[in-house]
Amino acid sequence: MRIASRPSPYHLYRRSRTPAWLALSWRALLAVALIGVALAVHWFDRDGLRQSSGAPVTFADILYFTMITVTTVGYGDIVPVTQQARLFDTFLVTPIRLFVWLIFLGTAYDFLLKRVWERWRMSVIQKQLRNHVVIAGFGNSGSEAASELIRRGAHPDTIVVIDENAGALRNAEALGVAVMEGNATRDAALKAVRLGAARALIVAAGRDDTSILIALTARRIAPTLPISVVIRSQDNEAIARQAGANTVINPASFAGLMLAGSTQGEHLADYMADLAAADGRVALRERSVTDAEVGKALRDIATGLGHRIYRGDSVIGFWEAEAARLQPGDVILEVVAVNGRNDEGDA
């Protein structure tokens, strides 16, 4: 028996550039102002109006006539009888009527039709996600990772944030990225952001056990996906790698390295920060060796300063004998100039 699939409870959304309350307020004020202009014109030219009953035209009659004229074509119980009143109605009140209707229709579109359209559009984007970065958890580490990705040139549209905290999602929306409320430890949530088609996954859940479970779930869904995980306890680093993390980052350990390095020279920590930051003078870049470089020494590459070679499971430093000859399949770690100093090294 075939079982019908249930609609996914997970949906992407992005922050609107204009708050809904502000857009609605501006439109309401504009509509009131236009109606006020029509009311003033009718009041000052009230002598040109006549009631079918013959009774004098009062302010209440003017208010009624203005609202009926602006929203409809009128009922005929009050009519302009002078040439001036008819010209006012033709060249001033009629355009106001059209503008007010456009405001009403535009508001209906923005707050009803547009929301349906936006939901449909985001569902299409969700189905077509390719080569994006998924960030699971938007605390301090996750938000810094998203900001750094944008500083490095990633478009916010290529970043998707998953979190269960509404406040965290609001902070993510402020960056312009796509967000989804959900539990990243669940298969359905990770599949909803098309993890299998993603370029990378950053896990910063704030708890080691949760981060490890996310990595484990993600690795089962996307066996070859690069996964970077933030781990707080050094004891859990090996577990995170066993769960499928390619890169494990311990903020406390990294800070300790920076602090210890600073005791060996005042410029060491500064240079390490320069390498890591998007706005630094130099940057670390990882790339595959090119056909033209095969057979050359690591020190002879022209794109930057070669530091390491990753050859299979081996890590080769620039000072080792194996670095004298690059081989097909090698992965090079090099330091390149940024900010236009090296066109090939800009990333």
C-alpha atoms as a PDB file:
ATOM      1  CA  MET A   1       0.000   0.000   0.000  1.00  0.00           C
ATOM      2  CA  ARG A   2       1.322   3.398  -0.958  1.00  0.00           C
ATOM      3  CA  ILE A   3       1.468   5.924   1.850  1.00  0.00           C
ATOM      4  CA  ALA A   4       0.994   9.596   0.962  1.00  0.00           C
ATOM      5  CA  SER A   5       3.903  11.759   2.085  1.00  0.00           C
ATOM      6  CA  ARG A   6       3.187  14.388   4.708  1.00  0.00           C
ATOM      7  CA  PRO A   7       4.068  18.025   4.045  1.00  0.00           C
ATOM      8  CA  SER A   8       7.291  19.071   5.745  1.00  0.00           C
ATOM      9  CA  PRO A   9       6.812  21.237   8.872  1.00  0.00           C
ATOM     10  CA  TYR A  10      10.084  23.015   8.117  1.00  0.00           C
ATOM     11  CA  HIS A  11      10.052  26.130   5.947  1.00  0.00           C
ATOM     12  CA  LEU A  12      12.679  28.729   5.063  1.00  0.00           C
ATOM     13  CA  TYR A  13      11.993  32.395   5.475  1.00  0.00           C
ATOM     14  CA  ARG A  14      13.915  35.648   5.234  1.00  0.00           C
ATOM     15  CA  ARG A  15      13.466  38.957   6.942  1.00  0.00           C
ATOM     16  CA  SER A  16      11.507  41.627   5.063  1.00  0.00           C
ATOM     17  CA  ARG A  17      13.461  44.801   4.384  1.00  0.00           C
ATOM     18  CA  THR A  18      10.602  46.985   5.712  1.00  0.00           C
ATOM     19  CA  PRO A  19       8.791  46.144   8.988  1.00  0.00           C
ATOM     20  CA  ALA A  20       5.133  45.301   8.405  1.00  0.00           C
ATOM     21  CA  TRP A  21       3.878  47.821  10.968  1.00  0.00           C
ATOM     22  CA  LEU A  22       5.855  50.639   9.332  1.00  0.00           C
ATOM     23  CA  ALA A  23       4.582  49.867   5.826  1.00  0.00           C
ATOM     24  CA  LEU A  24       1.004  49.644   7.075  1.00  0.00           C
ATOM     25  CA  SER A  25       1.318  52.897   9.038  1.00  0.00           C
ATOM     26  CA  TRP A  26       2.681  54.829   6.058  1.00  0.00           C
ATOM     27  CA  ARG A  27      -0.134  53.623   3.821  1.00  0.00           C
ATOM     28  CA  ALA A  28      -2.805  54.391   6.384  1.00  0.00           C
ATOM     29  CA  LEU A  29      -1.405  57.895   6.874  1.00  0.00           C
ATOM     30  CA  LEU A  30      -1.282  58.478   3.125  1.00  0.00           C
ATOM     31  CA  ALA A  31      -4.889  57.319   2.678  1.00  0.00           C
ATOM     32  CA  VAL A  32      -6.080  59.559   5.551  1.00  0.00           C
ATOM     33  CA  ALA A  33      -4.155  62.515   4.100  1.00  0.00           C
ATOM     34  CA  LEU A  34      -5.724  62.075   0.648  1.00  0.00           C
ATOM     35  CA  ILE A  35      -9.210  61.760   2.109  1.00  0.00           C
ATOM     36  CA  GLY A  36      -8.494  64.869   4.213  1.00  0.00           C
ATOM     37  CA  VAL A  37      -7.600  66.835   1.078  1.00  0.00           C
ATOM     38  CA  ALA A  38     -10.859  65.771  -0.601  1.00  0.00           C
ATOM     39  CA  LEU A  39     -12.807  66.658   2.559  1.00  0.00           C
ATOM     40  CA  ALA A  40     -11.229  70.118   2.716  1.00  0.00           C
ATOM     41  CA  VAL A  41     -11.976  70.804  -0.951  1.00  0.00           C
ATOM     42  CA  HIS A  42     -15.611  69.772  -0.548  1.00  0.00           C
ATOM     43  CA  TRP A  43     -15.993  71.835   2.616  1.00  0.00           C
ATOM     44  CA  PHE A  44     -14.591  75.033   1.130  1.00  0.00           C
ATOM     45  CA  ASP A  45     -16.701  74.549  -2.003  1.00  0.00           C
ATOM     46  CA  ARG A  46     -19.829  73.358  -0.169  1.00  0.00           C
ATOM     47  CA  ASP A  47     -21.893  76.028  -1.903  1.00  0.00           C
ATOM     48  CA  GLY A  48     -21.470  74.062  -5.117  1.00  0.00           C
ATOM     49  CA  LEU A  49     -23.140  70.972  -3.614  1.00  0.00           C
ATOM     50  CA  ARG A  50     -26.871  70.281  -3.382  1.00  0.00           C
ATOM     51  CA  GLN A  51     -28.902  67.611  -1.597  1.00  0.00           C
ATOM     52  CA  SER A  52     -31.780  65.960  -3.395  1.00  0.00           C
ATOM     53  CA  SER A  53     -33.922  66.689  -0.341  1.00  0.00           C
ATOM     54  CA  GLY A  54     -33.166  70.390  -0.548  1.00  0.00           C
ATOM     55  CA  ALA A  55     -31.837  70.533   3.015  1.00  0.00           C
ATOM     56  CA  PRO A  56     -28.731  72.655   3.741  1.00  0.00           C
ATOM     57  CA  VAL A  57     -25.372  70.882   3.359  1.00  0.00           C
ATOM     58  CA  THR A  58     -23.757  70.394   6.784  1.00  0.00           C
ATOM     59  CA  PHE A  59     -20.256  69.195   7.757  1.00  0.00           C
ATOM     60  CA  ALA A  60     -21.678  65.746   8.427  1.00  0.00           C
ATOM     61  CA  ASP A  61     -23.084  65.763   4.882  1.00  0.00           C
ATOM     62  CA  ILE A  62     -19.684  66.832   3.524  1.00  0.00           C
ATOM     63  CA  LEU A  63     -17.925  64.035   5.438  1.00  0.00           C
ATOM     64  CA  TYR A  64     -20.482  61.502   4.168  1.00  0.00           C
ATOM     65  CA  PHE A  65     -20.247  62.783   0.595  1.00  0.00           C
ATOM     66  CA  THR A  66     -16.433  62.709   0.685  1.00  0.00           C
ATOM     67  CA  MET A  67     -16.236  59.121   1.940  1.00  0.00           C
ATOM     68  CA  ILE A  68     -18.866  57.914  -0.528  1.00  0.00           C
ATOM     69  CA  THR A  69     -17.202  59.756  -3.425  1.00  0.00           C
ATOM     70  CA  VAL A  70     -13.710  58.517  -2.583  1.00  0.00           C
ATOM     71  CA  THR A  71     -14.771  54.887  -2.125  1.00  0.00           C
ATOM     72  CA  THR A  72     -17.504  54.715  -4.796  1.00  0.00           C
ATOM     73  CA  VAL A  73     -18.954  56.949  -7.507  1.00  0.00           C
ATOM     74  CA  GLY A  74     -21.624  58.289  -5.134  1.00  0.00           C
ATOM     75  CA  TYR A  75     -25.337  57.612  -4.625  1.00  0.00           C
ATOM     76  CA  GLY A  76     -26.729  60.783  -6.183  1.00  0.00           C
ATOM     77  CA  ASP A  77     -28.292  62.126  -2.970  1.00  0.00           C
ATOM     78  CA  ILE A  78     -25.621  64.867  -2.895  1.00  0.00           C
ATOM     79  CA  VAL A  79     -24.307  66.168  -6.211  1.00  0.00           C
ATOM     80  CA  PRO A  80     -22.054  68.979  -7.466  1.00  0.00           C
ATOM     81  CA  VAL A  81     -24.132  71.562  -9.291  1.00  0.00           C
ATOM     82  CA  THR A  82     -21.661  74.328 -10.102  1.00  0.00           C
ATOM     83  CA  GLN A  83     -18.997  74.151 -12.793  1.00  0.00           C
ATOM     84  CA  GLN A  84     -16.260  74.716 -10.221  1.00  0.00           C
ATOM     85  CA  ALA A  85     -17.487  71.871  -8.002  1.00  0.00           C
ATOM     86  CA  ARG A  86     -17.647  69.523 -10.967  1.00  0.00           C
ATOM     87  CA  LEU A  87     -14.115  70.467 -12.052  1.00  0.00           C
ATOM     88  CA  PHE A  88     -12.845  69.822  -8.507  1.00  0.00           C
ATOM     89  CA  ASP A  89     -14.519  66.427  -8.525  1.00  0.00           C
ATOM     90  CA  THR A  90     -13.105  65.601 -11.959  1.00  0.00           C
ATOM     91  CA  PHE A  91      -9.492  66.702 -11.597  1.00  0.00           C
ATOM     92  CA  LEU A  92      -8.883  66.337  -7.853  1.00  0.00           C
ATOM     93  CA  VAL A  93     -11.330  63.970  -6.196  1.00  0.00           C
ATOM     94  CA  THR A  94     -11.292  61.359  -8.958  1.00  0.00           C
ATOM     95  CA  PRO A  95      -7.452  60.988  -8.869  1.00  0.00           C
ATOM     96  CA  ILE A  96      -7.641  60.801  -5.056  1.00  0.00           C
ATOM     97  CA  ARG A  97     -10.230  58.029  -5.401  1.00  0.00           C
ATOM     98  CA  LEU A  98      -7.875  56.111  -7.700  1.00  0.00           C
ATOM     99  CA  PHE A  99      -4.875  56.583  -5.375  1.00  0.00           C
ATOM    100  CA  VAL A 100      -6.861  55.444  -2.330  1.00  0.00           C
ATOM    101  CA  TRP A 101      -7.988  52.329  -4.164  1.00  0.00           C
ATOM    102  CA  LEU A 102      -4.414  51.637  -5.233  1.00  0.00           C
ATOM    103  CA  ILE A 103      -3.315  51.950  -1.596  1.00  0.00           C
ATOM    104  CA  PHE A 104      -6.005  49.485  -0.507  1.00  0.00           C
ATOM    105  CA  LEU A 105      -5.137  47.056  -3.278  1.00  0.00           C
ATOM    106  CA  GLY A 106      -1.393  47.407  -2.594  1.00  0.00           C
ATOM    107  CA  THR A 107      -1.959  46.753   1.099  1.00  0.00           C
ATOM    108  CA  ALA A 108      -4.050  43.701   0.328  1.00  0.00           C
ATOM    109  CA  TYR A 109      -1.286  42.471  -1.982  1.00  0.00           C
ATOM    110  CA  ASP A 110       1.510  43.058   0.516  1.00  0.00           C
ATOM    111  CA  PHE A 111      -0.202  41.597   3.552  1.00  0.00           C
ATOM    112  CA  LEU A 112      -2.180  38.812   1.941  1.00  0.00           C
ATOM    113  CA  LEU A 113      -1.182  37.880  -1.601  1.00  0.00           C
ATOM    114  CA  LYS A 114       2.488  38.730  -1.151  1.00  0.00           C
ATOM    115  CA  ARG A 115       2.765  36.546   1.942  1.00  0.00           C
ATOM    116  CA  VAL A 116       1.350  33.619  -0.019  1.00  0.00           C
ATOM    117  CA  TRP A 117       3.708  34.445  -2.891  1.00  0.00           C
ATOM    118  CA  GLU A 118       6.706  34.765  -0.566  1.00  0.00           C
ATOM    119  CA  ARG A 119       5.923  31.453   1.093  1.00  0.00           C
ATOM    120  CA  TRP A 120       5.683  29.788  -2.320  1.00  0.00           C
ATOM    121  CA  ARG A 121       8.893  31.509  -3.484  1.00  0.00           C
ATOM    122  CA  MET A 122      10.815  30.356  -0.397  1.00  0.00           C
ATOM    123  CA  SER A 123       9.518  26.809  -0.919  1.00  0.00           C
ATOM    124  CA  VAL A 124      10.923  26.916  -4.473  1.00  0.00           C
ATOM    125  CA  ILE A 125      14.242  28.277  -3.162  1.00  0.00           C
ATOM    126  CA  GLN A 126      14.252  25.550  -0.536  1.00  0.00           C
ATOM    127  CA  LYS A 127      13.835  22.875  -3.209  1.00  0.00           C
ATOM    128  CA  GLN A 128      16.561  24.409  -5.391  1.00  0.00           C
ATOM    129  CA  LEU A 129      19.211  24.992  -2.716  1.00  0.00           C
ATOM    130  CA  ARG A 130      22.645  24.154  -4.088  1.00  0.00           C
ATOM    131  CA  ASN A 131      26.212  24.763  -2.910  1.00  0.00           C
ATOM    132  CA  HIS A 132      25.072  26.568   0.238  1.00  0.00           C
ATOM    133  CA  VAL A 133      26.447  26.645   3.770  1.00  0.00           C
ATOM    134  CA  VAL A 134      24.251  25.374   6.583  1.00  0.00           C
ATOM    135  CA  ILE A 135      24.852  26.715  10.097  1.00  0.00           C
ATOM    136  CA  ALA A 136      23.271  24.652  12.864  1.00  0.00           C
ATOM    137  CA  GLY A 137      23.033  26.884  15.932  1.00  0.00           C
ATOM    138  CA  PHE A 138      23.220  30.667  15.935  1.00  0.00           C
ATOM    139  CA  GLY A 139      24.854  31.538  19.228  1.00  0.00           C
ATOM    140  CA  ASN A 140      28.134  33.436  19.504  1.00  0.00           C
ATOM    141  CA  SER A 141      30.127  31.003  17.349  1.00  0.00           C
ATOM    142  CA  GLY A 142      27.409  30.531  14.748  1.00  0.00           C
ATOM    143  CA  SER A 143      26.766  34.255  14.359  1.00  0.00           C
ATOM    144  CA  GLU A 144      30.480  34.992  14.045  1.00  0.00           C
ATOM    145  CA  ALA A 145      30.813  32.253  11.426  1.00  0.00           C
ATOM    146  CA  ALA A 146      27.934  33.714   9.378  1.00  0.00           C
ATOM    147  CA  SER A 147      29.317  37.248   9.625  1.00  0.00           C
ATOM    148  CA  GLU A 148      32.788  36.078   8.628  1.00  0.00           C
ATOM    149  CA  LEU A 149      31.410  34.159   5.643  1.00  0.00           C
ATOM    150  CA  ILE A 150      29.675  37.321   4.442  1.00  0.00           C
ATOM    151  CA  ARG A 151      32.852  39.355   4.980  1.00  0.00           C
ATOM    152  CA  ARG A 152      34.706  36.786   2.881  1.00  0.00           C
ATOM    153  CA  GLY A 153      32.322  37.388  -0.007  1.00  0.00           C
ATOM    154  CA  ALA A 154      29.583  34.801   0.529  1.00  0.00           C
ATOM    155  CA  HIS A 155      26.158  36.117  -0.445  1.00  0.00           C
ATOM    156  CA  PRO A 156      23.611  35.899   2.404  1.00  0.00           C
ATOM    157  CA  ASP A 157      21.329  33.932   0.065  1.00  0.00           C
ATOM    158  CA  THR A 158      23.847  31.073   0.155  1.00  0.00           C
ATOM    159  CA  ILE A 159      23.699  30.730   3.945  1.00  0.00           C
ATOM    160  CA  VAL A 160      20.958  28.850   5.814  1.00  0.00           C
ATOM    161  CA  VAL A 161      20.654  28.943   9.610  1.00  0.00           C
ATOM    162  CA  ILE A 162      18.814  26.300  11.653  1.00  0.00           C
ATOM    163  CA  ASP A 163      17.927  27.036  15.270  1.00  0.00           C
ATOM    164  CA  GLU A 164      15.074  26.449  17.693  1.00  0.00           C
ATOM    165  CA  ASN A 165      15.494  29.800  19.430  1.00  0.00           C
ATOM    166  CA  ALA A 166      13.286  32.567  17.999  1.00  0.00           C
ATOM    167  CA  GLY A 167      15.641  35.297  19.253  1.00  0.00           C
ATOM    168  CA  ALA A 168      18.612  33.676  17.546  1.00  0.00           C
ATOM    169  CA  LEU A 169      16.663  33.426  14.307  1.00  0.00           C
ATOM    170  CA  ARG A 170      15.789  37.115  14.483  1.00  0.00           C
ATOM    171  CA  ASN A 171      19.494  37.910  14.803  1.00  0.00           C
ATOM    172  CA  ALA A 172      20.205  35.693  11.795  1.00  0.00           C
ATOM    173  CA  GLU A 173      17.459  37.360   9.773  1.00  0.00           C
ATOM    174  CA  ALA A 174      19.123  40.720  10.392  1.00  0.00           C
ATOM    175  CA  LEU A 175      22.078  39.471   8.314  1.00  0.00           C
ATOM    176  CA  GLY A 176      19.772  38.672   5.395  1.00  0.00           C
ATOM    177  CA  VAL A 177      20.362  34.918   5.497  1.00  0.00           C
ATOM    178  CA  ALA A 178      17.644  32.292   5.120  1.00  0.00           C
ATOM    179  CA  VAL A 179      16.528  30.843   8.447  1.00  0.00           C
ATOM    180  CA  MET A 180      14.540  27.831   9.517  1.00  0.00           C
ATOM    181  CA  GLU A 181      13.143  27.057  12.938  1.00  0.00           C
ATOM    182  CA  GLY A 182      13.845  23.456  13.755  1.00  0.00           C
ATOM    183  CA  ASN A 183      15.879  20.863  15.620  1.00  0.00           C
ATOM    184  CA  ALA A 184      19.047  20.153  13.652  1.00  0.00           C
ATOM    185  CA  THR A 185      19.428  16.751  15.318  1.00  0.00           C
ATOM    186  CA  ARG A 186      16.401  15.556  13.346  1.00  0.00           C
ATOM    187  CA  ASP A 187      16.733  14.029   9.892  1.00  0.00           C
ATOM    188  CA  ALA A 188      13.700  15.967   8.627  1.00  0.00           C
ATOM    189  CA  ALA A 189      15.190  19.351   9.550  1.00  0.00           C
ATOM    190  CA  LEU A 190      18.511  18.667   7.834  1.00  0.00           C
ATOM    191  CA  LYS A 191      16.818  17.226   4.771  1.00  0.00           C
ATOM    192  CA  ALA A 192      14.540  20.278   4.604  1.00  0.00           C
ATOM    193  CA  VAL A 193      17.591  22.495   4.010  1.00  0.00           C
ATOM    194  CA  ARG A 194      18.864  20.016   1.402  1.00  0.00           C
ATOM    195  CA  LEU A 195      21.979  19.127   3.334  1.00  0.00           C
ATOM    196  CA  GLY A 196      22.988  16.631   0.679  1.00  0.00           C
ATOM    197  CA  ALA A 197      23.401  19.467  -1.846  1.00  0.00           C
ATOM    198  CA  ALA A 198      25.172  21.823   0.587  1.00  0.00           C
ATOM    199  CA  ARG A 199      28.777  22.960   0.326  1.00  0.00           C
ATOM    200  CA  ALA A 200      29.517  22.700   4.046  1.00  0.00           C
ATOM    201  CA  LEU A 201      27.929  22.356   7.470  1.00  0.00           C
ATOM    202  CA  ILE A 202      28.955  24.398  10.500  1.00  0.00           C
ATOM    203  CA  VAL A 203      27.743  23.011  13.817  1.00  0.00           C
ATOM    204  CA  ALA A 204      27.720  25.406  16.767  1.00  0.00           C
ATOM    205  CA  ALA A 205      24.867  24.165  18.941  1.00  0.00           C
ATOM    206  CA  GLY A 206      26.394  25.405  22.206  1.00  0.00           C
ATOM    207  CA  ARG A 207      26.391  21.946  23.825  1.00  0.00           C
ATOM    208  CA  ASP A 208      28.901  19.271  22.946  1.00  0.00           C
ATOM    209  CA  ASP A 209      26.393  16.410  23.092  1.00  0.00           C
ATOM    210  CA  THR A 210      23.974  18.231  20.795  1.00  0.00           C
ATOM    211  CA  SER A 211      26.734  19.231  18.373  1.00  0.00           C
ATOM    212  CA  ILE A 212      28.012  15.648  18.211  1.00  0.00           C
ATOM    213  CA  LEU A 213      24.499  14.306  17.582  1.00  0.00           C
ATOM    214  CA  ILE A 214      23.993  16.863  14.782  1.00  0.00           C
ATOM    215  CA  ALA A 215      27.291  15.825  13.195  1.00  0.00           C
ATOM    216  CA  LEU A 216      26.326  12.159  13.449  1.00  0.00           C
ATOM    217  CA  THR A 217      22.925  12.783  11.859  1.00  0.00           C
ATOM    218  CA  ALA A 218      24.419  14.973   9.140  1.00  0.00           C
ATOM    219  CA  ARG A 219      27.117  12.449   8.253  1.00  0.00           C
ATOM    220  CA  ARG A 220      24.483   9.780   7.709  1.00  0.00           C
ATOM    221  CA  ILE A 221      22.540  12.082   5.365  1.00  0.00           C
ATOM    222  CA  ALA A 222      25.586  13.485   3.526  1.00  0.00           C
ATOM    223  CA  PRO A 223      28.525  11.052   3.664  1.00  0.00           C
ATOM    224  CA  THR A 224      31.004  13.363   1.861  1.00  0.00           C
ATOM    225  CA  LEU A 225      29.912  16.748   3.189  1.00  0.00           C
ATOM    226  CA  PRO A 226      32.625  18.836   4.957  1.00  0.00           C
ATOM    227  CA  ILE A 227      31.455  19.238   8.562  1.00  0.00           C
ATOM    228  CA  SER A 228      33.009  21.688  11.024  1.00  0.00           C
ATOM    229  CA  VAL A 229      32.022  21.393  14.685  1.00  0.00           C
ATOM    230  CA  VAL A 230      32.612  23.649  17.679  1.00  0.00           C
ATOM    231  CA  ILE A 231      33.444  21.568  20.768  1.00  0.00           C
ATOM    232  CA  ARG A 232      33.890  23.057  24.232  1.00  0.00           C
ATOM    233  CA  SER A 233      35.504  20.141  26.031  1.00  0.00           C
ATOM    234  CA  GLN A 234      38.777  18.656  24.847  1.00  0.00           C
ATOM    235  CA  ASP A 235      37.569  15.202  25.918  1.00  0.00           C
ATOM    236  CA  ASN A 236      34.809  15.368  23.303  1.00  0.00           C
ATOM    237  CA  GLU A 237      36.996  16.320  20.344  1.00  0.00           C
ATOM    238  CA  ALA A 238      37.801  12.708  19.429  1.00  0.00           C
ATOM    239  CA  ILE A 239      34.123  11.762  19.783  1.00  0.00           C
ATOM    240  CA  ALA A 240      33.140  14.560  17.416  1.00  0.00           C
ATOM    241  CA  ARG A 241      35.604  13.272  14.832  1.00  0.00           C
ATOM    242  CA  GLN A 242      34.230   9.756  15.232  1.00  0.00           C
ATOM    243  CA  ALA A 243      30.738  11.192  14.697  1.00  0.00           C
ATOM    244  CA  GLY A 244      31.838  12.456  11.288  1.00  0.00           C
ATOM    245  CA  ALA A 245      33.296  15.923  11.819  1.00  0.00           C
ATOM    246  CA  ASN A 246      36.083  16.823   9.401  1.00  0.00           C
ATOM    247  CA  THR A 247      37.158  19.801  11.465  1.00  0.00           C
ATOM    248  CA  VAL A 248      36.815  20.173  15.232  1.00  0.00           C
ATOM    249  CA  ILE A 249      37.411  23.586  16.751  1.00  0.00           C
ATOM    250  CA  ASN A 250      37.769  24.181  20.469  1.00  0.00           C
ATOM    251  CA  PRO A 251      37.499  27.935  21.160  1.00  0.00           C
ATOM    252  CA  ALA A 252      39.168  27.614  24.543  1.00  0.00           C
ATOM    253  CA  SER A 253      42.091  25.624  23.163  1.00  0.00           C
ATOM    254  CA  PHE A 254      42.535  28.030  20.258  1.00  0.00           C
ATOM    255  CA  ALA A 255      42.513  30.995  22.614  1.00  0.00           C
ATOM    256  CA  GLY A 256      45.084  29.200  24.726  1.00  0.00           C
ATOM    257  CA  LEU A 257      47.313  28.725  21.689  1.00  0.00           C
ATOM    258  CA  MET A 258      47.049  32.416  20.867  1.00  0.00           C
ATOM    259  CA  LEU A 259      47.844  33.428  24.436  1.00  0.00           C
ATOM    260  CA  ALA A 260      50.764  31.022  24.754  1.00  0.00           C
ATOM    261  CA  GLY A 261      52.138  32.137  21.392  1.00  0.00           C
ATOM    262  CA  SER A 262      52.001  35.762  22.473  1.00  0.00           C
ATOM    263  CA  THR A 263      54.507  35.009  25.222  1.00  0.00           C
ATOM    264  CA  GLN A 264      57.078  33.958  22.602  1.00  0.00           C
ATOM    265  CA  GLY A 265      56.820  37.227  20.701  1.00  0.00           C
ATOM    266  CA  GLU A 266      54.431  40.134  20.580  1.00  0.00           C
ATOM    267  CA  HIS A 267      53.768  39.701  16.850  1.00  0.00           C
ATOM    268  CA  LEU A 268      52.937  35.986  16.783  1.00  0.00           C
ATOM    269  CA  ALA A 269      49.324  36.295  17.894  1.00  0.00           C
ATOM    270  CA  ASP A 270      48.865  39.304  15.616  1.00  0.00           C
ATOM    271  CA  TYR A 271      50.022  37.311  12.591  1.00  0.00           C
ATOM    272  CA  MET A 272      47.771  34.349  13.477  1.00  0.00           C
ATOM    273  CA  ALA A 273      44.800  36.694  13.734  1.00  0.00           C
ATOM    274  CA  ASP A 274      45.821  38.271  10.425  1.00  0.00           C
ATOM    275  CA  LEU A 275      45.751  34.845   8.782  1.00  0.00           C
ATOM    276  CA  ALA A 276      42.320  34.015  10.189  1.00  0.00           C
ATOM    277  CA  ALA A 277      40.525  37.313   9.548  1.00  0.00           C
ATOM    278  CA  ALA A 278      38.821  38.178   6.270  1.00  0.00           C
ATOM    279  CA  ASP A 279      40.202  41.713   6.342  1.00  0.00           C
ATOM    280  CA  GLY A 280      43.801  40.684   7.047  1.00  0.00           C
ATOM    281  CA  ARG A 281      46.755  41.374   4.759  1.00  0.00           C
ATOM    282  CA  VAL A 282      47.344  37.652   4.189  1.00  0.00           C
ATOM    283  CA  ALA A 283      45.142  34.564   4.251  1.00  0.00           C
ATOM    284  CA  LEU A 284      45.478  30.809   4.367  1.00  0.00           C
ATOM    285  CA  ARG A 285      44.167  28.988   1.321  1.00  0.00           C
ATOM    286  CA  GLU A 286      43.692  25.298   0.694  1.00  0.00           C
ATOM    287  CA  ARG A 287      43.615  24.063  -2.890  1.00  0.00           C
ATOM    288  CA  SER A 288      44.465  21.115  -5.078  1.00  0.00           C
ATOM    289  CA  VAL A 289      47.720  21.024  -6.960  1.00  0.00           C
ATOM    290  CA  THR A 290      47.451  21.950 -10.645  1.00  0.00           C
ATOM    291  CA  ASP A 291      48.774  19.899 -13.545  1.00  0.00           C
ATOM    292  CA  ALA A 292      51.379  22.572 -14.240  1.00  0.00           C
ATOM    293  CA  GLU A 293      52.718  22.283 -10.678  1.00  0.00           C
ATOM    294  CA  VAL A 294      53.113  18.511 -10.615  1.00  0.00           C
ATOM    295  CA  GLY A 295      56.812  17.682 -10.322  1.00  0.00           C
ATOM    296  CA  LYS A 296      57.744  21.067  -8.886  1.00  0.00           C
ATOM    297  CA  ALA A 297      58.819  21.734  -5.318  1.00  0.00           C
ATOM    298  CA  LEU A 298      56.353  23.260  -2.866  1.00  0.00           C
ATOM    299  CA  ARG A 299      58.575  26.312  -2.519  1.00  0.00           C
ATOM    300  CA  ASP A 300      58.329  26.958  -6.277  1.00  0.00           C
ATOM    301  CA  ILE A 301      54.569  27.487  -6.502  1.00  0.00           C
ATOM    302  CA  ALA A 302      53.741  30.958  -7.854  1.00  0.00           C
ATOM    303  CA  THR A 303      50.392  31.615  -6.189  1.00  0.00           C
ATOM    304  CA  GLY A 304      51.609  31.972  -2.613  1.00  0.00           C
ATOM    305  CA  LEU A 305      53.924  30.695   0.091  1.00  0.00           C
ATOM    306  CA  GLY A 306      53.490  26.937   0.435  1.00  0.00           C
ATOM    307  CA  HIS A 307      53.297  25.669   4.019  1.00  0.00           C
ATOM    308  CA  ARG A 308      51.949  22.131   3.875  1.00  0.00           C
ATOM    309  CA  ILE A 309      51.056  19.265   1.566  1.00  0.00           C
ATOM    310  CA  TYR A 310      48.242  16.864   2.359  1.00  0.00           C
ATOM    311  CA  ARG A 311      49.002  13.644   0.508  1.00  0.00           C
ATOM    312  CA  GLY A 312      46.498  10.932   1.352  1.00  0.00           C
ATOM    313  CA  ASP A 313      46.725  10.501   5.109  1.00  0.00           C
ATOM    314  CA  SER A 314      50.162  12.136   5.275  1.00  0.00           C
ATOM    315  CA  VAL A 315      50.886  15.717   6.284  1.00  0.00           C
ATOM    316  CA  ILE A 316      54.114  17.050   4.755  1.00  0.00           C
ATOM    317  CA  GLY A 317      55.779  20.252   5.914  1.00  0.00           C
ATOM    318  CA  PHE A 318      57.652  22.581   3.577  1.00  0.00           C
ATOM    319  CA  TRP A 319      60.971  21.564   5.175  1.00  0.00           C
ATOM    320  CA  GLU A 320      60.545  17.820   4.553  1.00  0.00           C
ATOM    321  CA  ALA A 321      62.117  15.986   1.636  1.00  0.00           C
ATOM    322  CA  GLU A 322      58.743  14.908   0.230  1.00  0.00           C
ATOM    323  CA  ALA A 323      57.918  18.588  -0.371  1.00  0.00           C
ATOM    324  CA  ALA A 324      60.559  18.720  -3.117  1.00  0.00           C
ATOM    325  CA  ARG A 325      58.185  17.109  -5.620  1.00  0.00           C
ATOM    326  CA  LEU A 326      54.454  17.740  -5.866  1.00  0.00           C
ATOM    327  CA  GLN A 327      52.323  14.805  -6.974  1.00  0.00           C
ATOM    328  CA  PRO A 328      48.872  14.548  -8.601  1.00  0.00           C
ATOM    329  CA  GLY A 329      46.142  14.601  -5.956  1.00  0.00           C
ATOM    330  CA  ASP A 330      48.150  16.667  -3.481  1.00  0.00           C
ATOM    331  CA  VAL A 331      46.318  19.338  -1.519  1.00  0.00           C
ATOM    332  CA  ILE A 332      48.359  22.460  -0.828  1.00  0.00           C
ATOM    333  CA  LEU A 333      48.009  24.781   2.142  1.00  0.00           C
ATOM    334  CA  GLU A 334      49.493  28.148   1.234  1.00  0.00           C
ATOM    335  CA  VAL A 335      49.631  31.716   2.493  1.00  0.00           C
ATOM    336  CA  VAL A 336      48.424  34.202  -0.109  1.00  0.00           C
ATOM    337  CA  ALA A 337      48.211  37.964  -0.269  1.00  0.00           C
ATOM    338  CA  VAL A 338      44.776  39.589  -0.202  1.00  0.00           C
ATOM    339  CA  ASN A 339      43.308  43.015  -0.953  1.00  0.00           C
ATOM    340  CA  GLY A 340      44.468  42.934  -4.553  1.00  0.00           C
ATOM    341  CA  ARG A 341      48.104  42.052  -3.852  1.00  0.00           C
ATOM    342  CA  ASN A 342      47.755  38.726  -5.597  1.00  0.00           C
ATOM    343  CA  ASP A 343      44.875  38.243  -8.010  1.00  0.00           C
ATOM    344  CA  GLU A 344      45.197  34.487  -7.983  1.00  0.00           C
ATOM    345  CA  GLY A 345      45.286  34.421  -4.197  1.00  0.00           C
ATOM    346  CA  ASP A 346      42.172  36.478  -3.580  1.00  0.00           C
ATOM    347  CA  ALA A 347      39.445  34.320  -2.196  1.00  0.00           C
END
